[in-house]
Amino acid sequence: MPLTTVIWDWNGTLADDVRVALQSVNDILARRGREPITLEQYYSYMDTPIRRFYENLFHPLPDDLFDTLMLEFNQGYRRHMISTGLMEGAKEALEAFRRAGLTQIIVSASHTGELSHFSHLFGVEGYFRWILGAEDFQAAGKVEMACRFLQEQGIAPEECVVIGDTLHDRELAKAIGCPVCLLDRGHQSRAQLESAGEPVFHHLEDAASWILKRTAP
């Protein structure tokens, strides 16, 4: 069955924000007199749910500290994100999918308001039929949310494809029952992504071509 629906991740897939996230984390560490972490360390610590990431930096991690860290991160992220933008080739991929008649959805653990804000700021909000995000800033999992939404909308899993930048996006695709392709310019390293045995691309253009080949009947 040909693909009809593209499920986009936001952070590290459409948004070129891994350096933004790293800087926001290092701001948190600096406030507490801690040394900054490198991008390689960031990759190695990244996990879902996001609390596990912070447990690699702060142990023990009581709830009140976690809440404070998430607040600081989101404030820093919004501040630093102004200086960056979309991933190279993002608008071209979005436009190619639109021309092909594909439905496009964002599914993200980020706050819905942040997704709407930045997708509007970067001029791509109009490409998406739906933008699905969290209702708080805890960056909780998106798998259950996406599966429930697709079922409610009557969207067949075999007509979907997920495009993301982490192993969690692979988990999402597996839960839905659809293919996935991954980008190595986001929040996990290429080696981590290749361990999943799924297609991994460096350029969105190549990922888009891979998807478009699967849209023909």
C-alpha atoms as a PDB file:
ATOM      1  CA  MET A   1       0.000   0.000   0.000  1.00  0.00           C
ATOM      2  CA  PRO A   2       1.492   3.408  -0.948  1.00  0.00           C
ATOM      3  CA  LEU A   3       2.356   5.907   1.758  1.00  0.00           C
ATOM      4  CA  THR A   4      -0.036   8.815   2.274  1.00  0.00           C
ATOM      5  CA  THR A   5       0.969  10.309   5.644  1.00  0.00           C
ATOM      6  CA  VAL A   6       4.336  11.636   6.824  1.00  0.00           C
ATOM      7  CA  ILE A   7       4.786  11.792  10.592  1.00  0.00           C
ATOM      8  CA  TRP A   8       7.524  14.307  11.341  1.00  0.00           C
ATOM      9  CA  ASP A   9       9.520  14.595  14.518  1.00  0.00           C
ATOM     10  CA  TRP A  10      10.368  18.210  15.330  1.00  0.00           C
ATOM     11  CA  ASN A  11      13.525  18.489  17.455  1.00  0.00           C
ATOM     12  CA  GLY A  12      16.620  17.505  15.509  1.00  0.00           C
ATOM     13  CA  THR A  13      14.602  16.604  12.417  1.00  0.00           C
ATOM     14  CA  LEU A  14      12.841  19.731  11.217  1.00  0.00           C
ATOM     15  CA  ALA A  15      14.412  22.039  13.809  1.00  0.00           C
ATOM     16  CA  ASP A  16      18.205  22.308  13.622  1.00  0.00           C
ATOM     17  CA  ASP A  17      18.438  22.480  17.388  1.00  0.00           C
ATOM     18  CA  VAL A  18      20.916  19.982  18.803  1.00  0.00           C
ATOM     19  CA  ARG A  19      23.459  22.757  19.485  1.00  0.00           C
ATOM     20  CA  VAL A  20      20.678  24.822  21.039  1.00  0.00           C
ATOM     21  CA  ALA A  21      19.799  21.970  23.377  1.00  0.00           C
ATOM     22  CA  LEU A  22      23.450  21.399  24.243  1.00  0.00           C
ATOM     23  CA  GLN A  23      23.942  25.082  25.073  1.00  0.00           C
ATOM     24  CA  SER A  24      20.802  25.091  27.206  1.00  0.00           C
ATOM     25  CA  VAL A  25      22.058  22.073  29.159  1.00  0.00           C
ATOM     26  CA  ASN A  26      25.475  23.653  29.617  1.00  0.00           C
ATOM     27  CA  ASP A  27      23.810  26.833  30.892  1.00  0.00           C
ATOM     28  CA  ILE A  28      22.151  24.685  33.556  1.00  0.00           C
ATOM     29  CA  LEU A  29      25.464  23.113  34.504  1.00  0.00           C
ATOM     30  CA  ALA A  30      27.275  26.465  34.593  1.00  0.00           C
ATOM     31  CA  ARG A  31      24.740  27.879  37.058  1.00  0.00           C
ATOM     32  CA  ARG A  32      25.677  25.056  39.388  1.00  0.00           C
ATOM     33  CA  GLY A  33      29.431  25.363  38.948  1.00  0.00           C
ATOM     34  CA  ARG A  34      29.648  22.268  36.772  1.00  0.00           C
ATOM     35  CA  GLU A  35      31.823  21.703  33.715  1.00  0.00           C
ATOM     36  CA  PRO A  36      30.098  21.758  30.317  1.00  0.00           C
ATOM     37  CA  ILE A  37      29.483  18.534  28.460  1.00  0.00           C
ATOM     38  CA  THR A  38      30.529  17.857  24.878  1.00  0.00           C
ATOM     39  CA  LEU A  39      28.249  16.921  22.010  1.00  0.00           C
ATOM     40  CA  GLU A  40      29.540  13.356  22.243  1.00  0.00           C
ATOM     41  CA  GLN A  41      28.601  13.229  25.917  1.00  0.00           C
ATOM     42  CA  TYR A  42      25.204  14.700  25.096  1.00  0.00           C
ATOM     43  CA  TYR A  43      24.624  11.905  22.583  1.00  0.00           C
ATOM     44  CA  SER A  44      25.659   9.239  25.078  1.00  0.00           C
ATOM     45  CA  TYR A  45      23.396  10.617  27.821  1.00  0.00           C
ATOM     46  CA  MET A  46      20.325  11.122  25.615  1.00  0.00           C
ATOM     47  CA  ASP A  47      17.447   8.848  26.568  1.00  0.00           C
ATOM     48  CA  THR A  48      13.671   8.746  26.858  1.00  0.00           C
ATOM     49  CA  PRO A  49      11.798   9.680  28.854  1.00  0.00           C
ATOM     50  CA  ILE A  50      13.926  12.812  29.151  1.00  0.00           C
ATOM     51  CA  ARG A  51      14.200  12.402  32.921  1.00  0.00           C
ATOM     52  CA  ARG A  52      16.739   9.636  32.264  1.00  0.00           C
ATOM     53  CA  PHE A  53      18.936  12.138  30.446  1.00  0.00           C
ATOM     54  CA  TYR A  54      19.016  14.404  33.492  1.00  0.00           C
ATOM     55  CA  GLU A  55      19.617  11.450  35.801  1.00  0.00           C
ATOM     56  CA  ASN A  56      22.892  10.964  33.935  1.00  0.00           C
ATOM     57  CA  LEU A  57      23.857  14.498  34.975  1.00  0.00           C
ATOM     58  CA  PHE A  58      22.254  14.792  38.417  1.00  0.00           C
ATOM     59  CA  HIS A  59      22.022  11.871  40.799  1.00  0.00           C
ATOM     60  CA  PRO A  60      19.908  11.633  42.794  1.00  0.00           C
ATOM     61  CA  LEU A  61      17.269  13.642  40.933  1.00  0.00           C
ATOM     62  CA  PRO A  62      14.316  14.550  43.165  1.00  0.00           C
ATOM     63  CA  ASP A  63      11.121  15.731  41.504  1.00  0.00           C
ATOM     64  CA  ASP A  64      11.517  19.364  42.533  1.00  0.00           C
ATOM     65  CA  LEU A  65      15.012  19.549  41.012  1.00  0.00           C
ATOM     66  CA  PHE A  66      13.818  17.889  37.813  1.00  0.00           C
ATOM     67  CA  ASP A  67      10.984  20.410  37.525  1.00  0.00           C
ATOM     68  CA  THR A  68      13.472  23.259  37.999  1.00  0.00           C
ATOM     69  CA  LEU A  69      15.863  21.834  35.403  1.00  0.00           C
ATOM     70  CA  MET A  70      13.091  21.473  32.844  1.00  0.00           C
ATOM     71  CA  LEU A  71      11.967  25.048  33.445  1.00  0.00           C
ATOM     72  CA  GLU A  72      15.528  26.348  33.025  1.00  0.00           C
ATOM     73  CA  PHE A  73      16.092  24.236  29.925  1.00  0.00           C
ATOM     74  CA  ASN A  74      12.946  25.443  28.201  1.00  0.00           C
ATOM     75  CA  GLN A  75      13.745  29.070  29.000  1.00  0.00           C
ATOM     76  CA  GLY A  76      17.243  28.642  27.593  1.00  0.00           C
ATOM     77  CA  TYR A  77      16.017  26.718  24.576  1.00  0.00           C
ATOM     78  CA  ARG A  78      13.589  29.450  23.574  1.00  0.00           C
ATOM     79  CA  ARG A  79      16.306  32.097  24.032  1.00  0.00           C
ATOM     80  CA  HIS A  80      18.941  30.245  22.003  1.00  0.00           C
ATOM     81  CA  MET A  81      16.544  28.958  19.344  1.00  0.00           C
ATOM     82  CA  ILE A  82      16.079  32.461  17.954  1.00  0.00           C
ATOM     83  CA  SER A  83      19.624  32.269  16.573  1.00  0.00           C
ATOM     84  CA  THR A  84      19.046  29.072  14.591  1.00  0.00           C
ATOM     85  CA  GLY A  85      16.210  27.709  12.472  1.00  0.00           C
ATOM     86  CA  LEU A  86      15.151  24.786  10.333  1.00  0.00           C
ATOM     87  CA  MET A  87      17.328  21.888   9.308  1.00  0.00           C
ATOM     88  CA  GLU A  88      18.946  22.326   5.903  1.00  0.00           C
ATOM     89  CA  GLY A  89      16.541  21.082   3.256  1.00  0.00           C
ATOM     90  CA  ALA A  90      13.503  21.103   5.552  1.00  0.00           C
ATOM     91  CA  LYS A  91      11.352  23.481   3.513  1.00  0.00           C
ATOM     92  CA  GLU A  92      12.247  21.691   0.296  1.00  0.00           C
ATOM     93  CA  ALA A  93      11.218  18.332   1.774  1.00  0.00           C
ATOM     94  CA  LEU A  94       7.979  19.760   3.139  1.00  0.00           C
ATOM     95  CA  GLU A  95       7.165  21.281  -0.232  1.00  0.00           C
ATOM     96  CA  ALA A  96       7.999  18.055  -2.086  1.00  0.00           C
ATOM     97  CA  PHE A  97       5.639  16.101   0.150  1.00  0.00           C
ATOM     98  CA  ARG A  98       2.910  18.697  -0.303  1.00  0.00           C
ATOM     99  CA  ARG A  99       3.272  18.543  -4.089  1.00  0.00           C
ATOM    100  CA  ALA A 100       2.983  14.762  -3.856  1.00  0.00           C
ATOM    101  CA  GLY A 101      -0.322  15.143  -2.012  1.00  0.00           C
ATOM    102  CA  LEU A 102       0.903  13.679   1.265  1.00  0.00           C
ATOM    103  CA  THR A 103      -0.639  14.561   4.616  1.00  0.00           C
ATOM    104  CA  GLN A 104       1.995  15.888   7.034  1.00  0.00           C
ATOM    105  CA  ILE A 105       1.822  15.727  10.824  1.00  0.00           C
ATOM    106  CA  ILE A 106       4.215  16.796  13.571  1.00  0.00           C
ATOM    107  CA  VAL A 107       4.356  14.390  16.509  1.00  0.00           C
ATOM    108  CA  SER A 108       6.655  15.586  19.264  1.00  0.00           C
ATOM    109  CA  ALA A 109       7.225  15.367  23.001  1.00  0.00           C
ATOM    110  CA  SER A 110       7.756  19.143  22.975  1.00  0.00           C
ATOM    111  CA  HIS A 111       5.012  21.443  24.214  1.00  0.00           C
ATOM    112  CA  THR A 112       2.262  22.063  21.670  1.00  0.00           C
ATOM    113  CA  GLY A 113       2.556  25.817  22.155  1.00  0.00           C
ATOM    114  CA  GLU A 114       6.288  25.741  21.432  1.00  0.00           C
ATOM    115  CA  LEU A 115       5.729  23.680  18.292  1.00  0.00           C
ATOM    116  CA  SER A 116       3.097  26.099  17.026  1.00  0.00           C
ATOM    117  CA  HIS A 117       5.253  29.103  17.931  1.00  0.00           C
ATOM    118  CA  PHE A 118       8.410  27.966  16.171  1.00  0.00           C
ATOM    119  CA  SER A 119       6.710  26.351  13.162  1.00  0.00           C
ATOM    120  CA  HIS A 120       4.940  29.693  12.620  1.00  0.00           C
ATOM    121  CA  LEU A 121       8.140  31.672  13.246  1.00  0.00           C
ATOM    122  CA  PHE A 122      10.027  29.577  10.693  1.00  0.00           C
ATOM    123  CA  GLY A 123       7.234  29.820   8.133  1.00  0.00           C
ATOM    124  CA  VAL A 124       6.256  26.153   7.904  1.00  0.00           C
ATOM    125  CA  GLU A 125       3.114  25.886  10.038  1.00  0.00           C
ATOM    126  CA  GLY A 126       0.905  25.742   6.951  1.00  0.00           C
ATOM    127  CA  TYR A 127       2.425  22.478   5.752  1.00  0.00           C
ATOM    128  CA  PHE A 128       0.929  20.477   8.615  1.00  0.00           C
ATOM    129  CA  ARG A 129      -2.601  19.200   8.914  1.00  0.00           C
ATOM    130  CA  TRP A 130      -2.024  18.480  12.589  1.00  0.00           C
ATOM    131  CA  ILE A 131       0.595  19.436  15.170  1.00  0.00           C
ATOM    132  CA  LEU A 132       0.615  17.033  18.114  1.00  0.00           C
ATOM    133  CA  GLY A 133       2.657  17.875  21.173  1.00  0.00           C
ATOM    134  CA  ALA A 134       2.667  17.649  24.945  1.00  0.00           C
ATOM    135  CA  GLU A 135       0.443  19.732  27.179  1.00  0.00           C
ATOM    136  CA  ASP A 136       3.242  20.355  29.684  1.00  0.00           C
ATOM    137  CA  PHE A 137       7.000  20.940  29.543  1.00  0.00           C
ATOM    138  CA  GLN A 138       8.063  17.519  30.878  1.00  0.00           C
ATOM    139  CA  ALA A 139       8.892  16.112  27.401  1.00  0.00           C
ATOM    140  CA  ALA A 140       7.018  12.893  28.096  1.00  0.00           C
ATOM    141  CA  GLY A 141       6.722  10.109  25.521  1.00  0.00           C
ATOM    142  CA  LYS A 142       4.779  10.601  22.308  1.00  0.00           C
ATOM    143  CA  VAL A 143       4.092   6.987  21.337  1.00  0.00           C
ATOM    144  CA  GLU A 144       0.739   6.548  23.057  1.00  0.00           C
ATOM    145  CA  MET A 145      -0.408   9.990  21.925  1.00  0.00           C
ATOM    146  CA  ALA A 146       0.375   9.257  18.273  1.00  0.00           C
ATOM    147  CA  CYS A 147      -1.130   5.767  18.217  1.00  0.00           C
ATOM    148  CA  ARG A 148      -4.346   6.970  19.823  1.00  0.00           C
ATOM    149  CA  PHE A 149      -4.616   9.928  17.436  1.00  0.00           C
ATOM    150  CA  LEU A 150      -4.107   7.837  14.299  1.00  0.00           C
ATOM    151  CA  GLN A 151      -6.734   5.382  15.476  1.00  0.00           C
ATOM    152  CA  GLU A 152      -9.204   8.183  16.204  1.00  0.00           C
ATOM    153  CA  GLN A 153      -8.630   9.686  12.759  1.00  0.00           C
ATOM    154  CA  GLY A 154      -8.909   6.339  10.992  1.00  0.00           C
ATOM    155  CA  ILE A 155      -5.444   6.649   9.448  1.00  0.00           C
ATOM    156  CA  ALA A 156      -4.106   3.243   8.410  1.00  0.00           C
ATOM    157  CA  PRO A 157      -0.688   2.477   9.951  1.00  0.00           C
ATOM    158  CA  GLU A 158       0.597   0.931   6.724  1.00  0.00           C
ATOM    159  CA  GLU A 159       0.024   4.259   4.938  1.00  0.00           C
ATOM    160  CA  CYS A 160       2.273   6.171   7.370  1.00  0.00           C
ATOM    161  CA  VAL A 161       5.998   6.785   7.591  1.00  0.00           C
ATOM    162  CA  VAL A 162       7.935   8.316  10.484  1.00  0.00           C
ATOM    163  CA  ILE A 163      10.922  10.584   9.933  1.00  0.00           C
ATOM    164  CA  GLY A 164      13.005  11.393  13.004  1.00  0.00           C
ATOM    165  CA  ASP A 165      16.448  11.575  14.547  1.00  0.00           C
ATOM    166  CA  THR A 166      16.409   9.252  17.574  1.00  0.00           C
ATOM    167  CA  LEU A 167      15.823   5.635  18.473  1.00  0.00           C
ATOM    168  CA  HIS A 168      12.638   6.807  20.156  1.00  0.00           C
ATOM    169  CA  ASP A 169      11.316   7.702  16.702  1.00  0.00           C
ATOM    170  CA  ARG A 170      11.985   4.110  15.684  1.00  0.00           C
ATOM    171  CA  GLU A 171      10.025   2.979  18.738  1.00  0.00           C
ATOM    172  CA  LEU A 172       7.188   5.230  17.609  1.00  0.00           C
ATOM    173  CA  ALA A 173       7.189   3.702  14.126  1.00  0.00           C
ATOM    174  CA  LYS A 174       7.245   0.173  15.538  1.00  0.00           C
ATOM    175  CA  ALA A 175       4.301   0.967  17.804  1.00  0.00           C
ATOM    176  CA  ILE A 176       2.348   2.414  14.875  1.00  0.00           C
ATOM    177  CA  GLY A 177       3.372  -0.412  12.558  1.00  0.00           C
ATOM    178  CA  CYS A 178       4.951   1.697   9.829  1.00  0.00           C
ATOM    179  CA  PRO A 179       8.393   2.290   8.276  1.00  0.00           C
ATOM    180  CA  VAL A 180      10.852   4.858   9.596  1.00  0.00           C
ATOM    181  CA  CYS A 181      13.870   6.739   8.295  1.00  0.00           C
ATOM    182  CA  LEU A 182      16.327   8.512  10.567  1.00  0.00           C
ATOM    183  CA  LEU A 183      18.538  11.601  10.284  1.00  0.00           C
ATOM    184  CA  ASP A 184      22.020  11.689  11.796  1.00  0.00           C
ATOM    185  CA  ARG A 185      22.137  15.471  12.386  1.00  0.00           C
ATOM    186  CA  GLY A 186      19.951  15.531  15.469  1.00  0.00           C
ATOM    187  CA  HIS A 187      20.022  14.320  19.048  1.00  0.00           C
ATOM    188  CA  GLN A 188      21.705  10.922  18.642  1.00  0.00           C
ATOM    189  CA  SER A 189      24.838   9.886  16.802  1.00  0.00           C
ATOM    190  CA  ARG A 190      24.905   8.016  13.507  1.00  0.00           C
ATOM    191  CA  ALA A 191      26.399   4.971  15.225  1.00  0.00           C
ATOM    192  CA  GLN A 192      23.513   4.890  17.694  1.00  0.00           C
ATOM    193  CA  LEU A 193      20.970   5.184  14.891  1.00  0.00           C
ATOM    194  CA  GLU A 194      22.607   2.562  12.675  1.00  0.00           C
ATOM    195  CA  SER A 195      22.396   0.069  15.535  1.00  0.00           C
ATOM    196  CA  ALA A 196      18.631  -0.048  14.904  1.00  0.00           C
ATOM    197  CA  GLY A 197      19.041  -1.397  11.380  1.00  0.00           C
ATOM    198  CA  GLU A 198      16.841   1.281   9.809  1.00  0.00           C
ATOM    199  CA  PRO A 199      17.679   3.645   6.911  1.00  0.00           C
ATOM    200  CA  VAL A 200      19.852   6.521   8.166  1.00  0.00           C
ATOM    201  CA  PHE A 201      20.409   9.681   6.122  1.00  0.00           C
ATOM    202  CA  HIS A 202      22.543  12.782   6.544  1.00  0.00           C
ATOM    203  CA  HIS A 203      20.521  15.017   4.230  1.00  0.00           C
ATOM    204  CA  LEU A 204      16.773  15.580   4.385  1.00  0.00           C
ATOM    205  CA  GLU A 205      16.744  15.602   0.591  1.00  0.00           C
ATOM    206  CA  ASP A 206      17.822  11.955   0.554  1.00  0.00           C
ATOM    207  CA  ALA A 207      15.320  10.995   3.245  1.00  0.00           C
ATOM    208  CA  ALA A 208      12.558  12.710   1.271  1.00  0.00           C
ATOM    209  CA  SER A 209      13.536  10.838  -1.898  1.00  0.00           C
ATOM    210  CA  TRP A 210      13.435   7.547   0.002  1.00  0.00           C
ATOM    211  CA  ILE A 211       9.902   8.338   1.186  1.00  0.00           C
ATOM    212  CA  LEU A 212       8.634   9.615  -2.168  1.00  0.00           C
ATOM    213  CA  LYS A 213       9.675   6.370  -3.867  1.00  0.00           C
ATOM    214  CA  ARG A 214       7.230   4.618  -1.544  1.00  0.00           C
ATOM    215  CA  THR A 215       4.249   6.824  -2.363  1.00  0.00           C
ATOM    216  CA  ALA A 216       3.600   5.434  -5.830  1.00  0.00           C
ATOM    217  CA  PRO A 217       0.881   2.750  -6.106  1.00  0.00           C
END
